[in-house]
């Protein structure tokens, strides 16, 4: 299967991997007073999304070299201090593994993060590191944009425009992480406010999205 077709498949919002239950942290951010969604998208691409993409790239390199994934998981966890965000990542990873094992034969993984699960999927599907990082950046951007359509009064064309405007940022992030090969190289790009919002969301009494 051609790489571009695989990427189109994996970027499809209809995939049964629970992506529609996520807002990329937008719901609690809006509740806290956020108004500039494009800037929020850009911030995520430069912080939590970059960490996840770098984790996935290092994971796929480790699998191709026959290296252990435990250091990659530990590096990701150290850069993701929010228990809520770690739990969400692992929940999404379980859905990805279930789907991936229907389409390819994935390596056996024990409760991985989403980044490591995506690395395993890319390993099985033969995706290049840059393509994998682009996919993660695009998916995160689309997740936030799609959630915005359900959370605020918005013209769908405007949300699509946000995604288009974010594409250079997605490419820049992918180029930055695509050459990484070691767990210690994963950037420590924290986002304390996004993490605080994620923690607050776990105790919110009324919410549309799980995260």
C-alpha atoms as a PDB file:
ATOM      1  CA  UNK A   1       0.000   0.000   0.000  1.00  0.00           C
ATOM      2  CA  UNK A   2       1.349   3.432  -0.942  1.00  0.00           C
ATOM      3  CA  UNK A   3       2.468   5.626   1.968  1.00  0.00           C
ATOM      4  CA  UNK A   4       0.187   8.479   0.928  1.00  0.00           C
ATOM      5  CA  UNK A   5      -2.824   6.173   0.985  1.00  0.00           C
ATOM      6  CA  UNK A   6      -1.858   4.876   4.434  1.00  0.00           C
ATOM      7  CA  UNK A   7      -1.561   8.441   5.690  1.00  0.00           C
ATOM      8  CA  UNK A   8      -4.991   9.315   4.285  1.00  0.00           C
ATOM      9  CA  UNK A   9      -6.432   6.273   6.011  1.00  0.00           C
ATOM     10  CA  UNK A  10      -4.872   7.089   9.379  1.00  0.00           C
ATOM     11  CA  UNK A  11      -5.839  10.772   9.174  1.00  0.00           C
ATOM     12  CA  UNK A  12      -9.493   9.904   8.569  1.00  0.00           C
ATOM     13  CA  UNK A  13     -11.632  11.248  11.426  1.00  0.00           C
ATOM     14  CA  UNK A  14     -13.950   8.251  11.061  1.00  0.00           C
ATOM     15  CA  UNK A  15     -11.366   5.832  12.432  1.00  0.00           C
ATOM     16  CA  UNK A  16     -12.724   3.891  15.427  1.00  0.00           C
ATOM     17  CA  UNK A  17      -9.976   4.991  17.808  1.00  0.00           C
ATOM     18  CA  UNK A  18     -11.976   7.258  20.150  1.00  0.00           C
ATOM     19  CA  UNK A  19     -10.566  10.424  18.609  1.00  0.00           C
ATOM     20  CA  UNK A  20     -14.058  11.895  18.451  1.00  0.00           C
ATOM     21  CA  UNK A  21     -14.184  11.783  22.264  1.00  0.00           C
ATOM     22  CA  UNK A  22     -11.228  14.184  22.555  1.00  0.00           C
ATOM     23  CA  UNK A  23     -10.987  17.952  22.255  1.00  0.00           C
ATOM     24  CA  UNK A  24      -7.206  18.176  22.488  1.00  0.00           C
ATOM     25  CA  UNK A  25      -7.695  20.011  25.769  1.00  0.00           C
ATOM     26  CA  UNK A  26      -9.779  22.713  24.088  1.00  0.00           C
ATOM     27  CA  UNK A  27     -12.909  22.183  26.190  1.00  0.00           C
ATOM     28  CA  UNK A  28     -11.286  23.004  29.552  1.00  0.00           C
ATOM     29  CA  UNK A  29      -9.256  25.788  27.911  1.00  0.00           C
ATOM     30  CA  UNK A  30     -12.434  27.471  26.672  1.00  0.00           C
ATOM     31  CA  UNK A  31     -14.043  27.035  30.070  1.00  0.00           C
ATOM     32  CA  UNK A  32     -11.040  28.816  31.590  1.00  0.00           C
ATOM     33  CA  UNK A  33     -11.482  31.771  29.244  1.00  0.00           C
ATOM     34  CA  UNK A  34      -9.405  30.938  26.155  1.00  0.00           C
ATOM     35  CA  UNK A  35     -10.593  32.848  23.070  1.00  0.00           C
ATOM     36  CA  UNK A  36      -7.769  32.479  20.523  1.00  0.00           C
ATOM     37  CA  UNK A  37      -8.066  28.915  19.206  1.00  0.00           C
ATOM     38  CA  UNK A  38      -5.456  29.259  16.395  1.00  0.00           C
ATOM     39  CA  UNK A  39      -2.851  30.348  18.966  1.00  0.00           C
ATOM     40  CA  UNK A  40      -3.855  27.392  21.134  1.00  0.00           C
ATOM     41  CA  UNK A  41      -3.284  25.058  18.176  1.00  0.00           C
ATOM     42  CA  UNK A  42       0.129  26.622  17.579  1.00  0.00           C
ATOM     43  CA  UNK A  43       1.061  26.261  21.244  1.00  0.00           C
ATOM     44  CA  UNK A  44       0.127  22.579  21.256  1.00  0.00           C
ATOM     45  CA  UNK A  45       2.170  21.945  18.114  1.00  0.00           C
ATOM     46  CA  UNK A  46       5.215  23.439  19.794  1.00  0.00           C
ATOM     47  CA  UNK A  47       4.752  21.626  23.104  1.00  0.00           C
ATOM     48  CA  UNK A  48       2.687  18.516  23.860  1.00  0.00           C
ATOM     49  CA  UNK A  49       2.233  17.535  20.205  1.00  0.00           C
ATOM     50  CA  UNK A  50       5.947  17.907  19.516  1.00  0.00           C
ATOM     51  CA  UNK A  51       6.705  15.623  22.473  1.00  0.00           C
ATOM     52  CA  UNK A  52       4.265  12.996  21.188  1.00  0.00           C
ATOM     53  CA  UNK A  53       5.579  13.191  17.624  1.00  0.00           C
ATOM     54  CA  UNK A  54       9.184  12.927  18.812  1.00  0.00           C
ATOM     55  CA  UNK A  55       8.239   9.950  20.984  1.00  0.00           C
ATOM     56  CA  UNK A  56       6.656   8.216  17.996  1.00  0.00           C
ATOM     57  CA  UNK A  57       9.677   8.890  15.768  1.00  0.00           C
ATOM     58  CA  UNK A  58      12.128   7.541  18.353  1.00  0.00           C
ATOM     59  CA  UNK A  59       9.856   4.535  18.952  1.00  0.00           C
ATOM     60  CA  UNK A  60       9.781   3.567  15.283  1.00  0.00           C
ATOM     61  CA  UNK A  61      13.571   3.944  15.076  1.00  0.00           C
ATOM     62  CA  UNK A  62      13.972   1.739  18.160  1.00  0.00           C
ATOM     63  CA  UNK A  63      11.742  -0.951  16.665  1.00  0.00           C
ATOM     64  CA  UNK A  64      13.678  -0.920  13.397  1.00  0.00           C
ATOM     65  CA  UNK A  65      16.938  -1.292  15.315  1.00  0.00           C
ATOM     66  CA  UNK A  66      15.613  -3.956  17.669  1.00  0.00           C
ATOM     67  CA  UNK A  67      16.025  -1.698  20.713  1.00  0.00           C
ATOM     68  CA  UNK A  68      13.899  -1.716  23.860  1.00  0.00           C
ATOM     69  CA  UNK A  69      10.997   0.710  24.044  1.00  0.00           C
ATOM     70  CA  UNK A  70      11.096   1.157  27.826  1.00  0.00           C
ATOM     71  CA  UNK A  71      13.516   4.135  27.657  1.00  0.00           C
ATOM     72  CA  UNK A  72      11.218   5.816  25.135  1.00  0.00           C
ATOM     73  CA  UNK A  73       8.196   5.367  27.393  1.00  0.00           C
ATOM     74  CA  UNK A  74      10.122   6.684  30.396  1.00  0.00           C
ATOM     75  CA  UNK A  75      11.308   9.735  28.460  1.00  0.00           C
ATOM     76  CA  UNK A  76       7.762  10.480  27.303  1.00  0.00           C
ATOM     77  CA  UNK A  77       6.352  10.104  30.829  1.00  0.00           C
ATOM     78  CA  UNK A  78       9.019  12.411  32.254  1.00  0.00           C
ATOM     79  CA  UNK A  79       7.969  15.047  29.722  1.00  0.00           C
ATOM     80  CA  UNK A  80       4.244  14.536  30.392  1.00  0.00           C
ATOM     81  CA  UNK A  81       3.800  15.269  34.103  1.00  0.00           C
ATOM     82  CA  UNK A  82      -0.007  15.451  33.986  1.00  0.00           C
ATOM     83  CA  UNK A  83      -1.559  12.130  35.121  1.00  0.00           C
ATOM     84  CA  UNK A  84      -4.714  13.019  33.165  1.00  0.00           C
ATOM     85  CA  UNK A  85      -2.790  13.492  29.921  1.00  0.00           C
ATOM     86  CA  UNK A  86      -0.831  10.276  30.451  1.00  0.00           C
ATOM     87  CA  UNK A  87      -4.063   8.352  31.080  1.00  0.00           C
ATOM     88  CA  UNK A  88      -5.695   9.806  27.960  1.00  0.00           C
ATOM     89  CA  UNK A  89      -2.652   8.949  25.876  1.00  0.00           C
ATOM     90  CA  UNK A  90      -2.731   5.322  26.992  1.00  0.00           C
ATOM     91  CA  UNK A  91      -6.473   5.093  26.453  1.00  0.00           C
ATOM     92  CA  UNK A  92      -6.075   6.295  22.868  1.00  0.00           C
ATOM     93  CA  UNK A  93      -3.141   3.922  22.395  1.00  0.00           C
ATOM     94  CA  UNK A  94      -5.332   0.937  23.241  1.00  0.00           C
ATOM     95  CA  UNK A  95      -7.742   1.919  20.487  1.00  0.00           C
ATOM     96  CA  UNK A  96      -4.886   2.366  18.019  1.00  0.00           C
ATOM     97  CA  UNK A  97      -3.414  -1.035  18.863  1.00  0.00           C
ATOM     98  CA  UNK A  98      -6.775  -2.717  18.441  1.00  0.00           C
ATOM     99  CA  UNK A  99      -7.181  -1.123  15.029  1.00  0.00           C
ATOM    100  CA  UNK A 100      -3.562  -1.615  14.004  1.00  0.00           C
ATOM    101  CA  UNK A 101      -3.636  -5.313  14.779  1.00  0.00           C
ATOM    102  CA  UNK A 102      -6.637  -5.690  12.477  1.00  0.00           C
ATOM    103  CA  UNK A 103      -4.712  -4.078   9.613  1.00  0.00           C
ATOM    104  CA  UNK A 104      -1.101  -5.119  10.279  1.00  0.00           C
ATOM    105  CA  UNK A 105       0.839  -7.347  12.659  1.00  0.00           C
ATOM    106  CA  UNK A 106       2.086  -4.970  15.337  1.00  0.00           C
ATOM    107  CA  UNK A 107       4.819  -5.640  17.906  1.00  0.00           C
ATOM    108  CA  UNK A 108       3.531  -6.745  21.289  1.00  0.00           C
ATOM    109  CA  UNK A 109       3.262  -3.721  23.600  1.00  0.00           C
ATOM    110  CA  UNK A 110       2.215  -3.445  27.235  1.00  0.00           C
ATOM    111  CA  UNK A 111      -0.051  -0.417  27.849  1.00  0.00           C
ATOM    112  CA  UNK A 112       2.013   2.037  25.780  1.00  0.00           C
ATOM    113  CA  UNK A 113       1.569   5.761  25.312  1.00  0.00           C
ATOM    114  CA  UNK A 114      -0.118   6.941  22.126  1.00  0.00           C
ATOM    115  CA  UNK A 115       3.219   8.056  20.698  1.00  0.00           C
ATOM    116  CA  UNK A 116       4.776   4.621  21.131  1.00  0.00           C
ATOM    117  CA  UNK A 117       1.645   2.946  19.746  1.00  0.00           C
ATOM    118  CA  UNK A 118       1.817   5.202  16.684  1.00  0.00           C
ATOM    119  CA  UNK A 119       5.486   4.340  16.329  1.00  0.00           C
ATOM    120  CA  UNK A 120       4.605   0.651  16.316  1.00  0.00           C
ATOM    121  CA  UNK A 121       1.911   1.266  13.722  1.00  0.00           C
ATOM    122  CA  UNK A 122       4.333   3.233  11.543  1.00  0.00           C
ATOM    123  CA  UNK A 123       6.885   0.434  11.902  1.00  0.00           C
ATOM    124  CA  UNK A 124       4.353  -2.151  10.721  1.00  0.00           C
ATOM    125  CA  UNK A 125       3.047   0.031   7.883  1.00  0.00           C
ATOM    126  CA  UNK A 126       6.454   1.209   6.693  1.00  0.00           C
ATOM    127  CA  UNK A 127       5.838   4.921   7.242  1.00  0.00           C
ATOM    128  CA  UNK A 128       8.756   7.344   7.084  1.00  0.00           C
ATOM    129  CA  UNK A 129       9.534   9.336  10.266  1.00  0.00           C
ATOM    130  CA  UNK A 130       8.672  12.688   8.699  1.00  0.00           C
ATOM    131  CA  UNK A 131       5.344  11.349   7.449  1.00  0.00           C
ATOM    132  CA  UNK A 132       4.588   9.960  10.910  1.00  0.00           C
ATOM    133  CA  UNK A 133       5.351  13.290  12.590  1.00  0.00           C
ATOM    134  CA  UNK A 134       3.231  15.170  10.045  1.00  0.00           C
ATOM    135  CA  UNK A 135       0.356  12.771  10.685  1.00  0.00           C
ATOM    136  CA  UNK A 136       0.525  13.396  14.430  1.00  0.00           C
ATOM    137  CA  UNK A 137       0.640  17.168  13.976  1.00  0.00           C
ATOM    138  CA  UNK A 138      -2.255  17.120  11.537  1.00  0.00           C
ATOM    139  CA  UNK A 139      -4.331  14.827  13.736  1.00  0.00           C
ATOM    140  CA  UNK A 140      -3.855  17.044  16.783  1.00  0.00           C
ATOM    141  CA  UNK A 141      -4.744  20.180  14.824  1.00  0.00           C
ATOM    142  CA  UNK A 142      -7.839  18.573  13.325  1.00  0.00           C
ATOM    143  CA  UNK A 143      -8.916  17.265  16.727  1.00  0.00           C
ATOM    144  CA  UNK A 144      -8.921  20.774  18.194  1.00  0.00           C
ATOM    145  CA  UNK A 145     -10.604  22.309  15.139  1.00  0.00           C
ATOM    146  CA  UNK A 146     -13.326  19.651  15.069  1.00  0.00           C
ATOM    147  CA  UNK A 147     -13.967  20.050  18.790  1.00  0.00           C
ATOM    148  CA  UNK A 148     -14.308  23.809  18.359  1.00  0.00           C
ATOM    149  CA  UNK A 149     -17.211  23.252  15.977  1.00  0.00           C
ATOM    150  CA  UNK A 150     -19.103  21.561  18.821  1.00  0.00           C
ATOM    151  CA  UNK A 151     -18.068  23.942  21.579  1.00  0.00           C
ATOM    152  CA  UNK A 152     -18.400  27.459  20.132  1.00  0.00           C
ATOM    153  CA  UNK A 153     -20.537  29.200  17.477  1.00  0.00           C
ATOM    154  CA  UNK A 154     -18.361  28.862  14.410  1.00  0.00           C
ATOM    155  CA  UNK A 155     -18.452  28.707  10.628  1.00  0.00           C
ATOM    156  CA  UNK A 156     -16.959  25.319   9.624  1.00  0.00           C
ATOM    157  CA  UNK A 157     -14.980  27.101   6.912  1.00  0.00           C
ATOM    158  CA  UNK A 158     -13.202  29.092   9.614  1.00  0.00           C
ATOM    159  CA  UNK A 159     -12.125  25.937  11.432  1.00  0.00           C
ATOM    160  CA  UNK A 160     -10.773  24.545   8.158  1.00  0.00           C
ATOM    161  CA  UNK A 161      -8.881  27.798   7.638  1.00  0.00           C
ATOM    162  CA  UNK A 162      -7.247  27.315  11.040  1.00  0.00           C
ATOM    163  CA  UNK A 163      -5.972  23.915   9.912  1.00  0.00           C
ATOM    164  CA  UNK A 164      -4.614  25.312   6.648  1.00  0.00           C
ATOM    165  CA  UNK A 165      -2.829  28.129   8.479  1.00  0.00           C
ATOM    166  CA  UNK A 166      -1.303  25.598  10.873  1.00  0.00           C
ATOM    167  CA  UNK A 167       0.185  23.464   8.099  1.00  0.00           C
ATOM    168  CA  UNK A 168       3.534  25.326   7.977  1.00  0.00           C
ATOM    169  CA  UNK A 169       3.785  24.849  11.747  1.00  0.00           C
ATOM    170  CA  UNK A 170       3.006  21.144  11.351  1.00  0.00           C
ATOM    171  CA  UNK A 171       5.728  20.816   8.717  1.00  0.00           C
ATOM    172  CA  UNK A 172       8.236  22.732  10.840  1.00  0.00           C
ATOM    173  CA  UNK A 173       7.521  20.524  13.855  1.00  0.00           C
ATOM    174  CA  UNK A 174       7.803  17.357  11.749  1.00  0.00           C
ATOM    175  CA  UNK A 175      11.121  18.491  10.279  1.00  0.00           C
ATOM    176  CA  UNK A 176      12.440  19.244  13.761  1.00  0.00           C
ATOM    177  CA  UNK A 177      11.721  15.801  15.222  1.00  0.00           C
ATOM    178  CA  UNK A 178      11.980  13.462  12.223  1.00  0.00           C
ATOM    179  CA  UNK A 179      15.710  12.849  12.641  1.00  0.00           C
ATOM    180  CA  UNK A 180      15.616  11.920  16.320  1.00  0.00           C
ATOM    181  CA  UNK A 181      16.847   8.453  17.242  1.00  0.00           C
ATOM    182  CA  UNK A 182      17.318   8.360  21.031  1.00  0.00           C
ATOM    183  CA  UNK A 183      14.986   8.793  23.987  1.00  0.00           C
ATOM    184  CA  UNK A 184      17.175  11.510  25.457  1.00  0.00           C
ATOM    185  CA  UNK A 185      16.665  13.595  22.320  1.00  0.00           C
ATOM    186  CA  UNK A 186      12.901  13.893  22.808  1.00  0.00           C
ATOM    187  CA  UNK A 187      12.301  17.608  23.496  1.00  0.00           C
ATOM    188  CA  UNK A 188      11.146  18.606  26.957  1.00  0.00           C
ATOM    189  CA  UNK A 189       8.561  21.032  25.620  1.00  0.00           C
ATOM    190  CA  UNK A 190       6.196  21.331  28.520  1.00  0.00           C
ATOM    191  CA  UNK A 191       2.904  23.218  28.600  1.00  0.00           C
ATOM    192  CA  UNK A 192       2.015  23.707  32.295  1.00  0.00           C
ATOM    193  CA  UNK A 193      -1.207  25.605  31.582  1.00  0.00           C
ATOM    194  CA  UNK A 194      -2.499  22.934  29.178  1.00  0.00           C
ATOM    195  CA  UNK A 195      -1.589  20.301  31.763  1.00  0.00           C
ATOM    196  CA  UNK A 196      -3.427  22.214  34.507  1.00  0.00           C
ATOM    197  CA  UNK A 197      -6.511  22.510  32.318  1.00  0.00           C
ATOM    198  CA  UNK A 198      -6.355  18.751  31.610  1.00  0.00           C
ATOM    199  CA  UNK A 199      -6.260  18.002  35.333  1.00  0.00           C
ATOM    200  CA  UNK A 200      -9.190  20.330  36.018  1.00  0.00           C
ATOM    201  CA  UNK A 201     -11.187  18.656  33.261  1.00  0.00           C
ATOM    202  CA  UNK A 202     -11.098  15.295  35.043  1.00  0.00           C
ATOM    203  CA  UNK A 203     -13.275  16.686  37.841  1.00  0.00           C
ATOM    204  CA  UNK A 204     -15.589  18.841  35.718  1.00  0.00           C
ATOM    205  CA  UNK A 205     -19.217  17.932  36.365  1.00  0.00           C
ATOM    206  CA  UNK A 206     -20.460  18.860  32.900  1.00  0.00           C
ATOM    207  CA  UNK A 207     -18.327  18.116  29.876  1.00  0.00           C
ATOM    208  CA  UNK A 208     -18.813  17.098  26.283  1.00  0.00           C
ATOM    209  CA  UNK A 209     -15.410  15.463  25.721  1.00  0.00           C
ATOM    210  CA  UNK A 210     -13.469  13.061  27.891  1.00  0.00           C
ATOM    211  CA  UNK A 211     -10.241  15.056  27.430  1.00  0.00           C
END
